[in-house]
Protein backbone atom coordinates (compact mmCIF):
# COMPACT_ATOMS: atom_id res chain seq x y z
CA MET A 1 -1.72 16.54 -2.14
CA TYR A 2 0.39 13.68 -0.77
CA ILE A 3 0.98 10.24 -2.30
CA ALA A 4 2.06 7.29 -0.15
CA MET A 5 3.45 4.26 -1.96
CA ASN A 6 4.72 0.88 -0.89
CA ARG A 7 6.69 -1.27 -3.33
CA PHE A 8 6.27 -5.01 -2.86
CA LYS A 9 8.42 -7.69 -4.47
CA VAL A 10 5.96 -10.58 -4.69
CA THR A 11 7.51 -14.00 -5.11
CA ASN A 12 6.93 -15.54 -8.55
CA GLY A 13 3.89 -17.80 -8.36
CA ALA A 14 2.35 -15.88 -5.42
CA GLU A 15 0.80 -13.10 -7.49
CA GLN A 16 -2.76 -14.44 -7.37
CA ALA A 17 -2.61 -14.99 -3.60
CA PHE A 18 -1.26 -11.45 -3.15
CA GLU A 19 -3.96 -9.91 -5.32
CA THR A 20 -6.70 -11.90 -3.57
CA LEU A 21 -5.35 -10.84 -0.18
CA TRP A 22 -5.50 -7.16 -1.12
CA ALA A 23 -8.86 -7.43 -2.91
CA THR A 24 -10.54 -9.01 0.11
CA ARG A 25 -8.92 -7.12 3.00
CA ASP A 26 -10.60 -4.31 4.90
CA SER A 27 -8.29 -1.33 4.52
CA HIS A 28 -10.28 0.78 7.01
CA LEU A 29 -9.67 3.78 4.74
CA ASP A 30 -13.27 4.68 3.88
CA GLY A 31 -14.30 7.73 5.84
CA THR A 32 -10.75 8.52 6.96
CA PRO A 33 -10.26 12.31 7.00
CA GLY A 34 -8.07 13.42 4.10
CA PHE A 35 -8.10 10.07 2.26
CA LEU A 36 -8.80 10.47 -1.46
CA GLU A 37 -8.01 7.27 -3.37
CA PHE A 38 -6.25 3.89 -3.31
CA LYS A 39 -4.82 1.93 -6.25
CA MET A 40 -2.82 -1.30 -6.46
CA LEU A 41 -0.44 -1.35 -9.41
CA ARG A 42 1.18 -4.44 -10.94
CA GLY A 43 4.53 -4.00 -12.66
CA ALA A 44 6.77 -6.26 -14.65
CA ALA A 45 8.11 -9.57 -13.42
CA GLY A 46 11.75 -9.47 -12.40
CA GLU A 47 14.18 -12.16 -11.36
CA GLY A 48 12.20 -14.14 -8.81
CA TYR A 49 9.46 -11.57 -8.21
CA THR A 50 6.71 -9.36 -9.65
CA LEU A 51 6.67 -5.72 -8.59
CA TYR A 52 3.47 -4.34 -7.04
CA ILE A 53 2.94 -0.80 -5.77
CA SER A 54 0.17 0.23 -3.40
CA GLN A 55 -0.61 3.90 -3.91
CA SER A 56 -2.83 6.03 -1.72
CA ARG A 57 -3.61 9.68 -2.33
CA TRP A 58 -4.23 12.06 0.55
CA ARG A 59 -5.35 15.67 0.87
CA ASP A 60 -2.03 16.41 2.62
CA GLU A 61 0.84 14.71 4.43
CA ALA A 62 -0.65 15.47 7.85
CA SER A 63 -3.79 13.46 6.99
CA PHE A 64 -1.64 10.45 6.05
CA HIS A 65 0.37 10.67 9.28
CA ASP A 66 -2.82 11.04 11.34
CA TRP A 67 -4.13 7.82 9.76
CA MET A 68 -0.85 6.04 10.55
CA LYS A 69 -1.39 6.85 14.25
CA SER A 70 -5.02 5.71 14.21
CA ASP A 71 -6.82 2.58 15.35
CA SER A 72 -7.95 2.12 11.73
CA PHE A 73 -4.31 1.81 10.64
CA ARG A 74 -3.62 -0.80 13.34
CA LYS A 75 -6.69 -2.79 12.29
CA ALA A 76 -5.73 -2.67 8.59
CA HIS A 77 -2.20 -3.96 9.31
CA LYS A 78 -2.80 -6.37 12.20
CA ASP A 79 -2.22 -9.52 10.10
CA ALA A 80 0.49 -8.16 7.79
CA GLY A 81 3.19 -10.45 9.20
CA ASP A 82 1.12 -13.54 8.45
CA HIS A 83 1.82 -13.19 4.72
CA ARG A 84 5.61 -12.69 4.66
CA HIS A 85 5.99 -15.82 2.56
CA LEU A 86 4.48 -13.90 -0.38
CA TYR A 87 7.26 -11.29 -0.43
CA LEU A 88 10.98 -10.98 -1.01
CA GLY A 89 11.74 -8.72 1.94
CA PRO A 90 9.65 -5.95 3.46
CA PRO A 91 7.89 -3.33 1.31
CA ASN A 92 9.77 -0.13 0.48
CA PHE A 93 7.87 3.04 1.39
CA GLU A 94 7.96 6.30 -0.55
CA GLY A 95 6.05 9.43 0.46
CA LEU A 96 5.73 12.16 -2.14
CA GLN A 97 4.37 15.69 -2.22
CA VAL A 98 2.51 16.54 -5.41
CA VAL A 99 4.08 19.55 -7.12
CA GLU A 100 1.14 21.69 -8.15
CA GLY A 101 1.13 23.46 -11.48
CA ILE A 102 3.56 21.19 -13.30
């Protein structure tokens, strides 16, 4: 299993707009081969921002990379730049292999 995460520093006061944006967007993930689950996590507020983490689970890393090359990925991210005012900098990506049996 593979987990893909993006960490977002959402500007204080923009949390509701950020959550609404994610709740109403079409991720184009349903039916994507290898996609298992998506969660949005809200962390603690820091100096000037609240931490959010988008987490998607995939059957394997290859399935995630195939999605990143797909038309569905382009559709899901086509307007991402329109909302830069909500963030302190770009998201930070982390890709992780699940260690089975631990």
